[in-house]
Amino acid sequence: MNTFAALVILNGYVATLRREVRARLSDNDVGASTLELVIIVLGLIAVATMLVVAITMAVQRRVDQIT
């Protein structure tokens, strides 16, 4: 259940980040700046890392139950 809560919180952060990036873009600005893209990529890497840790812990717990 803690993993689900963490994912909900991370999803909120990602949604806030998207909204902020869109709000900063003006009519003349076609795309996001390099810094914004780096922040988004680092956020996605953090989310992927959290998922890998959560899945690894769940699998390890199941393996411990079997043995």
N, C-alpha and C. Protein backbone atom coordinates (compact mmCIF):
# COMPACT_ATOMS: atom_id res chain seq x y z
N MET A 1 0.82 -1.19 0.00
CA MET A 1 0.00 0.00 0.00
C MET A 1 0.87 1.26 0.00
N ASN A 2 2.03 1.19 0.64
CA ASN A 2 2.92 2.35 0.66
C ASN A 2 3.44 2.66 -0.74
N THR A 3 3.66 1.63 -1.54
CA THR A 3 4.13 1.84 -2.91
C THR A 3 3.07 2.58 -3.71
N PHE A 4 1.82 2.21 -3.54
CA PHE A 4 0.74 2.88 -4.25
C PHE A 4 0.66 4.36 -3.85
N ALA A 5 0.81 4.63 -2.58
CA ALA A 5 0.77 6.02 -2.11
C ALA A 5 1.93 6.82 -2.69
N ALA A 6 3.11 6.20 -2.74
CA ALA A 6 4.27 6.89 -3.31
C ALA A 6 4.05 7.18 -4.78
N LEU A 7 3.45 6.25 -5.51
CA LEU A 7 3.19 6.47 -6.92
C LEU A 7 2.16 7.58 -7.13
N VAL A 8 1.17 7.65 -6.27
CA VAL A 8 0.17 8.73 -6.37
C VAL A 8 0.83 10.08 -6.14
N ILE A 9 1.71 10.15 -5.15
CA ILE A 9 2.41 11.40 -4.85
C ILE A 9 3.32 11.79 -6.01
N LEU A 10 4.05 10.82 -6.55
CA LEU A 10 4.93 11.11 -7.69
C LEU A 10 4.13 11.55 -8.90
N ASN A 11 2.98 10.93 -9.11
CA ASN A 11 2.13 11.33 -10.23
C ASN A 11 1.68 12.78 -10.05
N GLY A 12 1.38 13.17 -8.83
CA GLY A 12 1.03 14.56 -8.55
C GLY A 12 2.16 15.52 -8.86
N TYR A 13 3.38 15.13 -8.50
CA TYR A 13 4.54 15.97 -8.80
C TYR A 13 4.75 16.11 -10.30
N VAL A 14 4.61 15.02 -11.02
CA VAL A 14 4.78 15.05 -12.48
C VAL A 14 3.71 15.93 -13.11
N ALA A 15 2.48 15.82 -12.65
CA ALA A 15 1.40 16.65 -13.19
C ALA A 15 1.66 18.13 -12.90
N THR A 16 2.15 18.42 -11.70
CA THR A 16 2.47 19.81 -11.36
C THR A 16 3.60 20.33 -12.23
N LEU A 17 4.61 19.51 -12.45
CA LEU A 17 5.73 19.90 -13.29
C LEU A 17 5.26 20.18 -14.71
N ARG A 18 4.41 19.31 -15.25
CA ARG A 18 3.89 19.53 -16.60
C ARG A 18 3.13 20.85 -16.68
N ARG A 19 2.28 21.11 -15.68
CA ARG A 19 1.49 22.34 -15.68
C ARG A 19 2.40 23.56 -15.61
N GLU A 20 3.45 23.51 -14.79
CA GLU A 20 4.37 24.63 -14.67
C GLU A 20 5.13 24.87 -15.98
N VAL A 21 5.55 23.79 -16.62
CA VAL A 21 6.27 23.93 -17.89
C VAL A 21 5.37 24.55 -18.93
N ARG A 22 4.13 24.10 -19.01
CA ARG A 22 3.19 24.66 -19.98
C ARG A 22 2.87 26.11 -19.68
N ALA A 23 2.80 26.46 -18.40
CA ALA A 23 2.50 27.84 -18.02
C ALA A 23 3.65 28.77 -18.38
N ARG A 24 4.86 28.29 -18.33
CA ARG A 24 6.02 29.13 -18.64
C ARG A 24 6.19 29.36 -20.13
N LEU A 25 5.67 28.45 -20.92
CA LEU A 25 5.83 28.59 -22.36
C LEU A 25 4.93 29.71 -22.86
N SER A 26 5.51 30.60 -23.63
CA SER A 26 4.70 31.67 -24.21
C SER A 26 4.35 31.31 -25.64
N ASP A 27 3.65 32.20 -26.33
CA ASP A 27 3.26 31.94 -27.71
C ASP A 27 4.47 31.85 -28.64
N ASN A 28 5.53 32.59 -28.31
CA ASN A 28 6.74 32.58 -29.14
C ASN A 28 7.61 31.37 -28.88
N ASP A 29 7.43 30.75 -27.72
CA ASP A 29 8.24 29.60 -27.33
C ASP A 29 7.62 28.34 -27.91
N VAL A 30 8.37 27.64 -28.74
CA VAL A 30 7.84 26.44 -29.38
C VAL A 30 8.02 25.22 -28.50
N GLY A 31 9.15 25.12 -27.83
CA GLY A 31 9.43 23.93 -27.03
C GLY A 31 9.97 24.30 -25.66
N ALA A 32 10.30 23.25 -24.91
CA ALA A 32 10.84 23.45 -23.58
C ALA A 32 12.35 23.68 -23.66
N SER A 33 12.89 24.36 -22.66
CA SER A 33 14.32 24.60 -22.64
C SER A 33 15.06 23.31 -22.25
N THR A 34 16.35 23.33 -22.42
CA THR A 34 17.16 22.16 -22.10
C THR A 34 17.07 21.81 -20.62
N LEU A 35 17.09 22.82 -19.76
CA LEU A 35 17.01 22.57 -18.33
C LEU A 35 15.69 21.90 -17.96
N GLU A 36 14.60 22.36 -18.56
CA GLU A 36 13.30 21.75 -18.28
C GLU A 36 13.28 20.29 -18.72
N LEU A 37 13.86 20.02 -19.88
CA LEU A 37 13.90 18.64 -20.37
C LEU A 37 14.76 17.77 -19.46
N VAL A 38 15.86 18.29 -18.97
CA VAL A 38 16.73 17.53 -18.06
C VAL A 38 15.98 17.22 -16.76
N ILE A 39 15.23 18.19 -16.25
CA ILE A 39 14.47 17.97 -15.02
C ILE A 39 13.40 16.90 -15.24
N ILE A 40 12.72 16.95 -16.37
CA ILE A 40 11.70 15.95 -16.68
C ILE A 40 12.33 14.57 -16.79
N VAL A 41 13.45 14.47 -17.49
CA VAL A 41 14.12 13.17 -17.66
C VAL A 41 14.58 12.62 -16.31
N LEU A 42 15.14 13.47 -15.47
CA LEU A 42 15.57 13.02 -14.15
C LEU A 42 14.38 12.56 -13.31
N GLY A 43 13.27 13.24 -13.44
CA GLY A 43 12.06 12.82 -12.74
C GLY A 43 11.58 11.46 -13.21
N LEU A 44 11.62 11.24 -14.51
CA LEU A 44 11.21 9.94 -15.05
C LEU A 44 12.16 8.83 -14.60
N ILE A 45 13.44 9.13 -14.54
CA ILE A 45 14.41 8.14 -14.06
C ILE A 45 14.13 7.82 -12.59
N ALA A 46 13.79 8.85 -11.80
CA ALA A 46 13.48 8.62 -10.38
C ALA A 46 12.24 7.74 -10.24
N VAL A 47 11.22 8.00 -11.06
CA VAL A 47 10.00 7.19 -11.01
C VAL A 47 10.31 5.75 -11.40
N ALA A 48 11.11 5.56 -12.44
CA ALA A 48 11.47 4.21 -12.87
C ALA A 48 12.26 3.49 -11.78
N THR A 49 13.15 4.20 -11.11
CA THR A 49 13.93 3.60 -10.03
C THR A 49 13.02 3.16 -8.88
N MET A 50 12.05 4.01 -8.54
CA MET A 50 11.10 3.65 -7.48
C MET A 50 10.30 2.40 -7.86
N LEU A 51 9.90 2.32 -9.11
CA LEU A 51 9.15 1.14 -9.57
C LEU A 51 10.00 -0.12 -9.50
N VAL A 52 11.25 -0.02 -9.92
CA VAL A 52 12.15 -1.18 -9.88
C VAL A 52 12.35 -1.63 -8.44
N VAL A 53 12.54 -0.70 -7.53
CA VAL A 53 12.73 -1.05 -6.12
C VAL A 53 11.47 -1.70 -5.56
N ALA A 54 10.31 -1.14 -5.90
CA ALA A 54 9.05 -1.70 -5.39
C ALA A 54 8.82 -3.11 -5.93
N ILE A 55 9.06 -3.31 -7.20
CA ILE A 55 8.87 -4.64 -7.80
C ILE A 55 9.87 -5.63 -7.23
N THR A 56 11.12 -5.21 -7.06
CA THR A 56 12.15 -6.09 -6.49
C THR A 56 11.78 -6.50 -5.07
N MET A 57 11.29 -5.55 -4.28
CA MET A 57 10.89 -5.88 -2.91
C MET A 57 9.71 -6.84 -2.89
N ALA A 58 8.76 -6.64 -3.78
CA ALA A 58 7.59 -7.52 -3.83
C ALA A 58 7.99 -8.94 -4.23
N VAL A 59 8.86 -9.05 -5.22
CA VAL A 59 9.31 -10.37 -5.67
C VAL A 59 10.11 -11.04 -4.56
N GLN A 60 10.97 -10.29 -3.90
CA GLN A 60 11.78 -10.87 -2.83
C GLN A 60 10.90 -11.36 -1.69
N ARG A 61 9.85 -10.61 -1.38
CA ARG A 61 8.92 -11.02 -0.33
C ARG A 61 8.24 -12.33 -0.71
N ARG A 62 7.84 -12.45 -1.97
CA ARG A 62 7.20 -13.68 -2.43
C ARG A 62 8.16 -14.86 -2.40
N VAL A 63 9.41 -14.64 -2.79
CA VAL A 63 10.40 -15.70 -2.78
C VAL A 63 10.64 -16.15 -1.34
N ASP A 64 10.69 -15.22 -0.42
CA ASP A 64 10.88 -15.57 0.98
C ASP A 64 9.70 -16.38 1.53
N GLN A 65 8.51 -16.11 1.03
CA GLN A 65 7.34 -16.89 1.46
C GLN A 65 7.39 -18.30 0.93
N ILE A 66 7.91 -18.47 -0.28
CA ILE A 66 7.98 -19.79 -0.90
C ILE A 66 9.00 -20.67 -0.20
N THR A 67 10.17 -20.10 0.13
CA THR A 67 11.24 -20.90 0.72
C THR A 67 11.13 -20.99 2.21
